Amino acid sequence: MSEDERFHRWSLKESDLVDLTPLKVRDIIIKCFFEAQKETFSRTKQELGMKTSEEELYTTVKTSVRMVFKDIKADFDKPTKDDLMKVVDALARKASSWGTPQDIIQFHGGQIMKVLQILK
């Protein structure tokens, strides 16, 4: 499997930028991380003999993001802009440690930074 097949680029849609709230941005971050890392999570689950449906993978990714909030001592249900920026940084470090190519990390980080710049 080529690198292009393993790591998918997720891009913002205009609808993502409408009526931004910290909770909406948190959910955008989850979606972005899911799209960029679902192959990594899928392989790990398969190696452990676990199911790998899209829904289960999404739940795993969301739980991972929730744990990052806990690690930085932030509230998943009431994030601040600063919390969201810290979460993005932590997720980028995790992705790098898993072997995600830097261009994929930078691309997705750039997409999320566009959202964070708009968030008040």
C-alpha atoms as a PDB file:
ATOM      1  CA  MET A   1       0.000   0.000   0.000  1.00  0.00           C
ATOM      2  CA  SER A   2       1.446   3.361  -0.991  1.00  0.00           C
ATOM      3  CA  GLU A   3       1.755   6.288   1.395  1.00  0.00           C
ATOM      4  CA  ASP A   4      -0.976   8.096  -0.559  1.00  0.00           C
ATOM      5  CA  GLU A   5      -3.363   5.191   0.086  1.00  0.00           C
ATOM      6  CA  ARG A   6      -2.507   5.023   3.786  1.00  0.00           C
ATOM      7  CA  PHE A   7      -2.819   8.711   4.635  1.00  0.00           C
ATOM      8  CA  HIS A   8      -5.792  10.676   3.386  1.00  0.00           C
ATOM      9  CA  ARG A   9      -5.893  14.442   3.073  1.00  0.00           C
ATOM     10  CA  TRP A  10      -8.953  16.028   4.584  1.00  0.00           C
ATOM     11  CA  SER A  11      -9.946  19.519   3.454  1.00  0.00           C
ATOM     12  CA  LEU A  12     -12.202  22.144   4.917  1.00  0.00           C
ATOM     13  CA  LYS A  13     -15.539  22.852   3.329  1.00  0.00           C
ATOM     14  CA  GLU A  14     -17.186  26.267   3.308  1.00  0.00           C
ATOM     15  CA  SER A  15     -19.933  24.846   5.532  1.00  0.00           C
ATOM     16  CA  ASP A  16     -17.289  24.028   8.166  1.00  0.00           C
ATOM     17  CA  LEU A  17     -16.616  27.739   8.591  1.00  0.00           C
ATOM     18  CA  VAL A  18     -20.220  28.803   9.197  1.00  0.00           C
ATOM     19  CA  ASP A  19     -21.301  29.603  12.764  1.00  0.00           C
ATOM     20  CA  LEU A  20     -18.063  28.445  14.365  1.00  0.00           C
ATOM     21  CA  THR A  21     -18.153  27.666  18.055  1.00  0.00           C
ATOM     22  CA  PRO A  22     -15.476  25.956  20.137  1.00  0.00           C
ATOM     23  CA  LEU A  23     -17.586  22.762  20.104  1.00  0.00           C
ATOM     24  CA  LYS A  24     -17.931  22.842  16.324  1.00  0.00           C
ATOM     25  CA  VAL A  25     -14.174  23.358  15.987  1.00  0.00           C
ATOM     26  CA  ARG A  26     -13.551  20.453  18.376  1.00  0.00           C
ATOM     27  CA  ASP A  27     -15.723  18.244  16.157  1.00  0.00           C
ATOM     28  CA  ILE A  28     -13.889  19.475  13.039  1.00  0.00           C
ATOM     29  CA  ILE A  29     -10.588  18.540  14.697  1.00  0.00           C
ATOM     30  CA  ILE A  30     -11.948  15.055  15.441  1.00  0.00           C
ATOM     31  CA  LYS A  31     -13.122  14.636  11.828  1.00  0.00           C
ATOM     32  CA  CYS A  32      -9.781  15.858  10.464  1.00  0.00           C
ATOM     33  CA  PHE A  33      -7.788  13.560  12.756  1.00  0.00           C
ATOM     34  CA  PHE A  34     -10.073  10.664  11.878  1.00  0.00           C
ATOM     35  CA  GLU A  35      -9.617  11.140   8.139  1.00  0.00           C
ATOM     36  CA  ALA A  36      -5.856  11.543   8.460  1.00  0.00           C
ATOM     37  CA  GLN A  37      -5.313   8.634  10.862  1.00  0.00           C
ATOM     38  CA  LYS A  38      -8.059   6.094  10.213  1.00  0.00           C
ATOM     39  CA  GLU A  39      -5.704   3.736   8.387  1.00  0.00           C
ATOM     40  CA  THR A  40      -3.288   3.802  11.339  1.00  0.00           C
ATOM     41  CA  PHE A  41      -6.111   3.026  13.775  1.00  0.00           C
ATOM     42  CA  SER A  42      -7.555   0.379  11.456  1.00  0.00           C
ATOM     43  CA  ARG A  43      -4.249  -1.472  11.211  1.00  0.00           C
ATOM     44  CA  THR A  44      -3.718  -1.361  14.960  1.00  0.00           C
ATOM     45  CA  LYS A  45      -7.197  -2.745  15.625  1.00  0.00           C
ATOM     46  CA  GLN A  46      -6.733  -5.479  13.017  1.00  0.00           C
ATOM     47  CA  GLU A  47      -3.434  -6.491  14.625  1.00  0.00           C
ATOM     48  CA  LEU A  48      -5.297  -6.787  17.933  1.00  0.00           C
ATOM     49  CA  GLY A  49      -8.037  -8.861  16.307  1.00  0.00           C
ATOM     50  CA  MET A  50     -10.643  -6.134  16.771  1.00  0.00           C
ATOM     51  CA  LYS A  51     -13.390  -4.928  14.443  1.00  0.00           C
ATOM     52  CA  THR A  52     -12.615  -2.030  12.151  1.00  0.00           C
ATOM     53  CA  SER A  53     -15.876  -0.530  10.897  1.00  0.00           C
ATOM     54  CA  GLU A  54     -15.871   3.208  10.103  1.00  0.00           C
ATOM     55  CA  GLU A  55     -18.164   3.856  13.072  1.00  0.00           C
ATOM     56  CA  GLU A  56     -15.920   1.958  15.497  1.00  0.00           C
ATOM     57  CA  LEU A  57     -12.813   3.659  14.142  1.00  0.00           C
ATOM     58  CA  TYR A  58     -14.468   7.059  14.543  1.00  0.00           C
ATOM     59  CA  THR A  59     -15.363   6.217  18.142  1.00  0.00           C
ATOM     60  CA  THR A  60     -11.749   5.195  18.796  1.00  0.00           C
ATOM     61  CA  VAL A  61     -10.434   8.437  17.304  1.00  0.00           C
ATOM     62  CA  LYS A  62     -12.931  10.516  19.293  1.00  0.00           C
ATOM     63  CA  THR A  63     -11.857   8.733  22.477  1.00  0.00           C
ATOM     64  CA  SER A  64      -8.212   9.441  21.635  1.00  0.00           C
ATOM     65  CA  VAL A  65      -8.977  13.131  21.177  1.00  0.00           C
ATOM     66  CA  ARG A  66     -10.930  13.116  24.446  1.00  0.00           C
ATOM     67  CA  MET A  67      -7.831  11.677  26.172  1.00  0.00           C
ATOM     68  CA  VAL A  68      -5.676  14.474  24.741  1.00  0.00           C
ATOM     69  CA  PHE A  69      -8.062  16.995  26.305  1.00  0.00           C
ATOM     70  CA  LYS A  70      -7.637  15.186  29.611  1.00  0.00           C
ATOM     71  CA  ASP A  71      -3.841  15.137  29.209  1.00  0.00           C
ATOM     72  CA  ILE A  72      -3.713  18.913  28.757  1.00  0.00           C
ATOM     73  CA  LYS A  73      -6.222  19.377  31.596  1.00  0.00           C
ATOM     74  CA  ALA A  74      -8.902  20.853  29.365  1.00  0.00           C
ATOM     75  CA  ASP A  75     -12.646  20.238  29.259  1.00  0.00           C
ATOM     76  CA  PHE A  76     -13.696  18.235  26.181  1.00  0.00           C
ATOM     77  CA  ASP A  77     -17.270  19.517  26.544  1.00  0.00           C
ATOM     78  CA  LYS A  78     -16.306  23.182  27.082  1.00  0.00           C
ATOM     79  CA  PRO A  79     -13.139  23.793  25.077  1.00  0.00           C
ATOM     80  CA  THR A  80     -11.537  27.195  24.718  1.00  0.00           C
ATOM     81  CA  LYS A  81      -9.656  28.400  21.673  1.00  0.00           C
ATOM     82  CA  ASP A  82      -6.401  27.985  23.617  1.00  0.00           C
ATOM     83  CA  ASP A  83      -7.375  24.407  24.570  1.00  0.00           C
ATOM     84  CA  LEU A  84      -8.105  23.603  20.927  1.00  0.00           C
ATOM     85  CA  MET A  85      -4.718  24.924  19.826  1.00  0.00           C
ATOM     86  CA  LYS A  86      -2.987  22.791  22.459  1.00  0.00           C
ATOM     87  CA  VAL A  87      -4.981  19.730  21.366  1.00  0.00           C
ATOM     88  CA  VAL A  88      -3.963  20.238  17.729  1.00  0.00           C
ATOM     89  CA  ASP A  89      -0.295  20.475  18.771  1.00  0.00           C
ATOM     90  CA  ALA A  90      -0.581  17.311  20.876  1.00  0.00           C
ATOM     91  CA  LEU A  91      -2.328  15.412  18.072  1.00  0.00           C
ATOM     92  CA  ALA A  92       0.392  16.458  15.622  1.00  0.00           C
ATOM     93  CA  ARG A  93       3.036  15.075  17.995  1.00  0.00           C
ATOM     94  CA  LYS A  94       1.095  11.808  18.333  1.00  0.00           C
ATOM     95  CA  ALA A  95       0.699  11.468  14.574  1.00  0.00           C
ATOM     96  CA  SER A  96       4.410  12.084  14.100  1.00  0.00           C
ATOM     97  CA  SER A  97       5.283   9.428  16.682  1.00  0.00           C
ATOM     98  CA  TRP A  98       3.084   6.967  14.743  1.00  0.00           C
ATOM     99  CA  GLY A  99       5.059   7.590  11.571  1.00  0.00           C
ATOM    100  CA  THR A 100       2.608   9.878   9.790  1.00  0.00           C
ATOM    101  CA  PRO A 101       4.556  11.795   7.116  1.00  0.00           C
ATOM    102  CA  GLN A 102       5.320  15.405   8.013  1.00  0.00           C
ATOM    103  CA  ASP A 103       3.605  16.769   4.905  1.00  0.00           C
ATOM    104  CA  ILE A 104       0.347  15.102   5.977  1.00  0.00           C
ATOM    105  CA  ILE A 105       0.684  16.512   9.500  1.00  0.00           C
ATOM    106  CA  GLN A 106       1.484  19.987   8.193  1.00  0.00           C
ATOM    107  CA  PHE A 107      -1.354  19.941   5.670  1.00  0.00           C
ATOM    108  CA  HIS A 108      -3.964  18.991   8.258  1.00  0.00           C
ATOM    109  CA  GLY A 109      -2.506  21.354  10.838  1.00  0.00           C
ATOM    110  CA  GLY A 110      -2.843  24.135   8.273  1.00  0.00           C
ATOM    111  CA  GLN A 111      -6.485  23.255   7.648  1.00  0.00           C
ATOM    112  CA  ILE A 112      -7.266  23.418  11.357  1.00  0.00           C
ATOM    113  CA  MET A 113      -5.295  26.648  11.837  1.00  0.00           C
ATOM    114  CA  LYS A 114      -7.594  28.282   9.247  1.00  0.00           C
ATOM    115  CA  VAL A 115     -10.547  27.326  11.419  1.00  0.00           C
ATOM    116  CA  LEU A 116      -8.882  28.470  14.635  1.00  0.00           C
ATOM    117  CA  GLN A 117      -8.009  31.851  13.106  1.00  0.00           C
ATOM    118  CA  ILE A 118     -11.682  32.454  12.373  1.00  0.00           C
ATOM    119  CA  LEU A 119     -12.878  31.285  15.805  1.00  0.00           C
ATOM    120  CA  LYS A 120     -13.371  34.176  18.191  1.00  0.00           C
END
